[in-house]
């Protein structure tokens, strides 16, 4: 019968059941109590315990298993510790291909003040702006509201104009030592796209479609209203957000 010892299952030679049970209990206690003790200090006690309770052959087999696992784990730690860090240019190329987005954001968190960080921020901005419609619910709602109101807008042109603004926001957050997770970065891109599209949206048509009776707002207040609308998750929430923003 195989018996679990740590992460392995050992098959001991036949012994008296009473003696084996005592040995297994002692080994389990040692595993639980001595997790924080260096392996070198545990070797004599572990070897003596296994030799006494399960026989020299079984102890030697266990030692070989433990030694090989420990050596393999040490090699992995050594390899990962000495793996060279990717440069800003490599990360920018990876993000342009849709990869290493999390690594690029972490790079900005730690190295946003370096000159090469701008290339990483611009690559991230292009990536985030391009996927706003598929990965940000509020942005999708705002776009649908604009389309339903028949207020035409140059979507691609506004997207291109949003890219440098998003890159600037990412660099600014890194300079202020603010950590930027992917969800937050995506929200920044959605707000900037709404801000750029606001200039091309007919206020009268959109407000009438939302059932709001409001005088024409200044361009700055209208941009703020459209930006706040990306927080919404439904058409009714868009109307409330726009109305609240224009009332302030």
Protein backbone atom coordinates (compact mmCIF):
# COMPACT_ATOMS: atom_id res chain seq x y z
CA UNK A 1 0.00 0.00 0.00
CA UNK A 2 1.46 3.41 -1.03
CA UNK A 3 1.59 6.03 1.72
CA UNK A 4 1.75 9.83 1.14
CA UNK A 5 4.86 11.58 2.54
CA UNK A 6 4.77 15.26 1.62
CA UNK A 7 3.98 15.49 -2.11
CA UNK A 8 5.16 11.90 -2.85
CA UNK A 9 3.65 8.45 -2.30
CA UNK A 10 6.07 5.84 -0.99
CA UNK A 11 5.68 2.04 -1.08
CA UNK A 12 7.32 0.68 2.11
CA UNK A 13 8.55 -2.89 2.49
CA UNK A 14 6.45 -5.17 4.70
CA UNK A 15 6.71 -4.36 8.42
CA UNK A 16 4.50 -4.72 11.42
CA UNK A 17 1.45 -2.50 11.04
CA UNK A 18 1.87 -0.92 14.45
CA UNK A 19 5.46 0.08 13.77
CA UNK A 20 4.66 1.48 10.33
CA UNK A 21 1.74 3.58 11.58
CA UNK A 22 3.94 5.14 14.26
CA UNK A 23 6.59 5.95 11.66
CA UNK A 24 4.15 7.58 9.30
CA UNK A 25 2.68 9.69 12.10
CA UNK A 26 6.16 10.87 13.10
CA UNK A 27 7.10 11.69 9.50
CA UNK A 28 3.90 13.67 9.00
CA UNK A 29 4.55 15.64 12.17
CA UNK A 30 8.08 16.42 11.04
CA UNK A 31 6.81 17.64 7.65
CA UNK A 32 4.29 19.95 9.29
CA UNK A 33 6.52 21.32 12.06
CA UNK A 34 9.80 21.69 10.18
CA UNK A 35 8.67 23.47 7.01
CA UNK A 36 10.68 26.58 7.88
CA UNK A 37 13.88 24.71 8.90
CA UNK A 38 16.73 24.56 6.34
CA UNK A 39 17.01 21.20 4.57
CA UNK A 40 20.61 20.73 5.70
CA UNK A 41 19.55 20.70 9.35
CA UNK A 42 16.75 18.21 8.69
CA UNK A 43 18.84 15.69 6.73
CA UNK A 44 20.20 13.67 9.71
CA UNK A 45 16.82 13.49 11.45
CA UNK A 46 14.97 12.63 8.23
CA UNK A 47 17.47 9.93 7.28
CA UNK A 48 17.41 8.37 10.75
CA UNK A 49 13.61 8.35 10.86
CA UNK A 50 13.22 6.77 7.42
CA UNK A 51 15.96 4.21 8.08
CA UNK A 52 14.48 3.11 11.39
CA UNK A 53 10.87 2.84 10.36
CA UNK A 54 10.93 1.84 6.71
CA UNK A 55 14.36 0.28 6.12
CA UNK A 56 17.59 1.45 4.53
CA UNK A 57 16.55 0.64 0.96
CA UNK A 58 13.36 2.65 1.24
CA UNK A 59 15.24 5.56 2.86
CA UNK A 60 17.80 5.64 0.06
CA UNK A 61 15.03 5.64 -2.56
CA UNK A 62 13.27 8.53 -0.80
CA UNK A 63 16.49 10.50 -0.51
CA UNK A 64 17.10 10.16 -4.25
CA UNK A 65 13.58 11.43 -5.03
CA UNK A 66 13.90 14.38 -2.67
CA UNK A 67 17.35 15.24 -3.96
CA UNK A 68 16.32 15.20 -7.63
CA UNK A 69 13.24 17.35 -6.99
CA UNK A 70 15.29 19.82 -4.93
CA UNK A 71 17.96 20.07 -7.63
CA UNK A 72 15.38 20.62 -10.38
CA UNK A 73 13.64 23.31 -8.34
CA UNK A 74 16.97 25.03 -7.71
CA UNK A 75 17.79 25.06 -11.43
CA UNK A 76 14.43 26.66 -12.26
CA UNK A 77 14.93 29.37 -9.63
CA UNK A 78 18.45 30.05 -10.94
CA UNK A 79 17.29 30.26 -14.58
CA UNK A 80 14.39 32.60 -13.82
CA UNK A 81 16.56 34.85 -11.66
CA UNK A 82 19.15 35.27 -14.42
CA UNK A 83 16.70 35.72 -17.30
CA UNK A 84 17.36 39.16 -18.87
CA UNK A 85 14.61 41.75 -18.53
CA UNK A 86 12.87 42.68 -21.76
CA UNK A 87 13.74 46.10 -23.11
CA UNK A 88 11.19 48.84 -23.71
CA UNK A 89 11.49 48.35 -27.46
CA UNK A 90 10.83 44.60 -27.18
CA UNK A 91 7.78 45.21 -25.00
CA UNK A 92 6.42 47.82 -27.42
CA UNK A 93 6.71 45.36 -30.32
CA UNK A 94 5.05 42.64 -28.28
CA UNK A 95 2.11 44.90 -27.36
CA UNK A 96 1.66 45.89 -31.01
CA UNK A 97 1.22 42.15 -31.63
CA UNK A 98 -1.32 41.83 -28.80
CA UNK A 99 1.10 40.20 -26.32
CA UNK A 100 2.84 41.10 -23.04
CA UNK A 101 0.29 43.80 -22.17
CA UNK A 102 0.52 43.14 -18.43
CA UNK A 103 4.32 43.16 -18.57
CA UNK A 104 4.25 46.47 -20.44
CA UNK A 105 1.99 48.05 -17.82
CA UNK A 106 4.29 46.80 -15.05
CA UNK A 107 7.24 48.23 -16.95
CA UNK A 108 5.59 51.65 -16.95
CA UNK A 109 4.85 51.34 -13.24
CA UNK A 110 8.54 50.90 -12.50
CA UNK A 111 10.25 52.76 -15.35
CA UNK A 112 7.75 55.40 -16.48
CA UNK A 113 10.26 58.20 -16.04
CA UNK A 114 12.74 56.73 -18.52
CA UNK A 115 12.82 58.13 -22.08
CA UNK A 116 12.19 54.69 -23.62
CA UNK A 117 8.93 54.36 -21.67
CA UNK A 118 7.15 56.61 -24.17
CA UNK A 119 7.33 53.92 -26.88
CA UNK A 120 5.74 51.41 -24.48
CA UNK A 121 3.01 53.90 -23.51
CA UNK A 122 2.19 54.64 -27.16
CA UNK A 123 1.97 50.94 -28.00
CA UNK A 124 -0.32 50.38 -25.02
CA UNK A 125 -2.45 53.36 -26.04
CA UNK A 126 -2.94 51.98 -29.56
CA UNK A 127 -3.85 48.58 -28.14
CA UNK A 128 -6.31 49.96 -25.56
CA UNK A 129 -8.01 52.42 -27.92
CA UNK A 130 -8.49 49.75 -30.59
CA UNK A 131 -10.28 47.36 -28.26
CA UNK A 132 -12.52 49.85 -26.43
CA UNK A 133 -15.67 48.70 -28.23
CA UNK A 134 -15.08 45.04 -27.44
CA UNK A 135 -13.74 45.30 -23.87
CA UNK A 136 -15.47 48.30 -22.28
CA UNK A 137 -19.22 48.05 -21.70
CA UNK A 138 -19.72 51.77 -21.06
CA UNK A 139 -17.99 52.68 -24.28
CA UNK A 140 -20.25 50.30 -26.23
CA UNK A 141 -23.38 51.85 -24.70
CA UNK A 142 -22.27 55.40 -25.51
CA UNK A 143 -21.47 54.44 -29.09
CA UNK A 144 -24.88 52.82 -29.53
CA UNK A 145 -26.64 55.89 -28.12
CA UNK A 146 -24.77 58.12 -30.58
CA UNK A 147 -25.60 55.82 -33.50
CA UNK A 148 -29.29 55.66 -32.51
CA UNK A 149 -29.52 59.46 -32.39
CA UNK A 150 -28.27 59.61 -35.99
CA UNK A 151 -25.54 62.01 -34.92
CA UNK A 152 -22.76 61.10 -37.32
CA UNK A 153 -19.22 60.91 -35.97
CA UNK A 154 -15.77 60.15 -37.51
CA UNK A 155 -15.00 57.18 -35.28
CA UNK A 156 -11.58 56.22 -36.69
CA UNK A 157 -10.31 59.78 -36.81
CA UNK A 158 -11.28 60.33 -33.18
CA UNK A 159 -9.66 57.04 -32.20
CA UNK A 160 -6.34 58.14 -33.72
CA UNK A 161 -6.54 61.47 -31.87
CA UNK A 162 -7.16 59.66 -28.58
CA UNK A 163 -3.96 57.60 -28.78
CA UNK A 164 -1.43 60.31 -27.75
CA UNK A 165 -3.75 61.46 -24.96
CA UNK A 166 -3.98 57.93 -23.53
CA UNK A 167 -0.20 57.54 -23.76
CA UNK A 168 0.23 60.82 -21.90
CA UNK A 169 -2.19 59.69 -19.18
CA UNK A 170 -0.27 56.43 -18.68
CA UNK A 171 3.05 58.23 -18.42
CA UNK A 172 1.54 60.76 -16.01
CA UNK A 173 0.23 58.01 -13.71
CA UNK A 174 3.63 56.32 -13.75
CA UNK A 175 5.34 59.61 -12.88
CA UNK A 176 2.99 59.98 -9.91
CA UNK A 177 3.90 56.41 -8.83
CA UNK A 178 0.34 55.21 -9.40
CA UNK A 179 -0.05 51.58 -10.34
CA UNK A 180 -2.17 51.07 -13.47
CA UNK A 181 -3.90 47.68 -13.84
CA UNK A 182 -5.32 46.69 -17.21
CA UNK A 183 -8.93 47.49 -16.25
CA UNK A 184 -7.98 51.02 -15.21
CA UNK A 185 -5.92 51.57 -18.36
CA UNK A 186 -8.87 50.41 -20.48
CA UNK A 187 -11.17 52.85 -18.70
CA UNK A 188 -8.75 55.70 -19.40
CA UNK A 189 -8.84 54.84 -23.11
CA UNK A 190 -12.67 54.72 -23.12
CA UNK A 191 -12.90 58.17 -21.51
CA UNK A 192 -10.46 59.68 -23.99
CA UNK A 193 -12.37 58.25 -26.96
CA UNK A 194 -15.62 59.69 -25.63
CA UNK A 195 -13.94 63.03 -25.11
CA UNK A 196 -12.72 63.14 -28.71
CA UNK A 197 -16.05 62.08 -30.21
CA UNK A 198 -18.01 64.69 -28.23
CA UNK A 199 -16.92 67.51 -30.54
CA UNK A 200 -18.57 65.81 -33.52
CA UNK A 201 -21.85 64.82 -31.84
CA UNK A 202 -24.92 67.00 -32.39
CA UNK A 203 -26.01 67.99 -28.89
CA UNK A 204 -29.60 68.77 -29.88
CA UNK A 205 -30.15 65.44 -31.61
CA UNK A 206 -28.56 63.39 -28.83
CA UNK A 207 -30.39 65.17 -26.00
CA UNK A 208 -33.72 64.82 -27.81
CA UNK A 209 -33.08 61.12 -28.36
CA UNK A 210 -32.34 60.70 -24.62
CA UNK A 211 -35.50 62.62 -23.69
CA UNK A 212 -33.59 65.49 -22.08
CA UNK A 213 -34.58 69.13 -22.41
CA UNK A 214 -31.45 71.16 -21.99
CA UNK A 215 -30.03 74.38 -23.47
CA UNK A 216 -26.96 74.00 -25.64
CA UNK A 217 -23.88 73.52 -23.45
CA UNK A 218 -20.38 74.87 -24.04
CA UNK A 219 -17.94 72.55 -25.83
CA UNK A 220 -16.00 71.98 -22.60
CA UNK A 221 -19.10 71.03 -20.58
CA UNK A 222 -20.32 68.79 -23.39
CA UNK A 223 -16.98 66.94 -23.44
CA UNK A 224 -17.21 66.41 -19.70
CA UNK A 225 -20.79 65.13 -20.06
CA UNK A 226 -19.85 62.64 -22.78
CA UNK A 227 -16.82 61.48 -20.81
CA UNK A 228 -18.92 60.84 -17.71
CA UNK A 229 -21.36 58.77 -19.78
CA UNK A 230 -18.84 55.92 -20.21
CA UNK A 231 -19.49 55.01 -16.56
CA UNK A 232 -23.02 53.94 -17.57
CA UNK A 233 -24.10 50.38 -18.34
CA UNK A 234 -27.47 51.13 -19.95
CA UNK A 235 -29.19 53.79 -22.06
CA UNK A 236 -31.08 55.10 -19.01
CA UNK A 237 -27.83 55.45 -17.08
CA UNK A 238 -26.31 57.39 -19.98
CA UNK A 239 -29.23 59.83 -19.85
CA UNK A 240 -28.85 60.28 -16.08
CA UNK A 241 -25.09 60.76 -16.34
CA UNK A 242 -25.38 63.39 -19.08
CA UNK A 243 -28.19 65.20 -17.26
CA UNK A 244 -26.30 65.22 -13.97
CA UNK A 245 -23.10 66.47 -15.61
CA UNK A 246 -24.88 69.32 -17.43
CA UNK A 247 -26.68 70.29 -14.19
CA UNK A 248 -23.47 70.78 -12.19
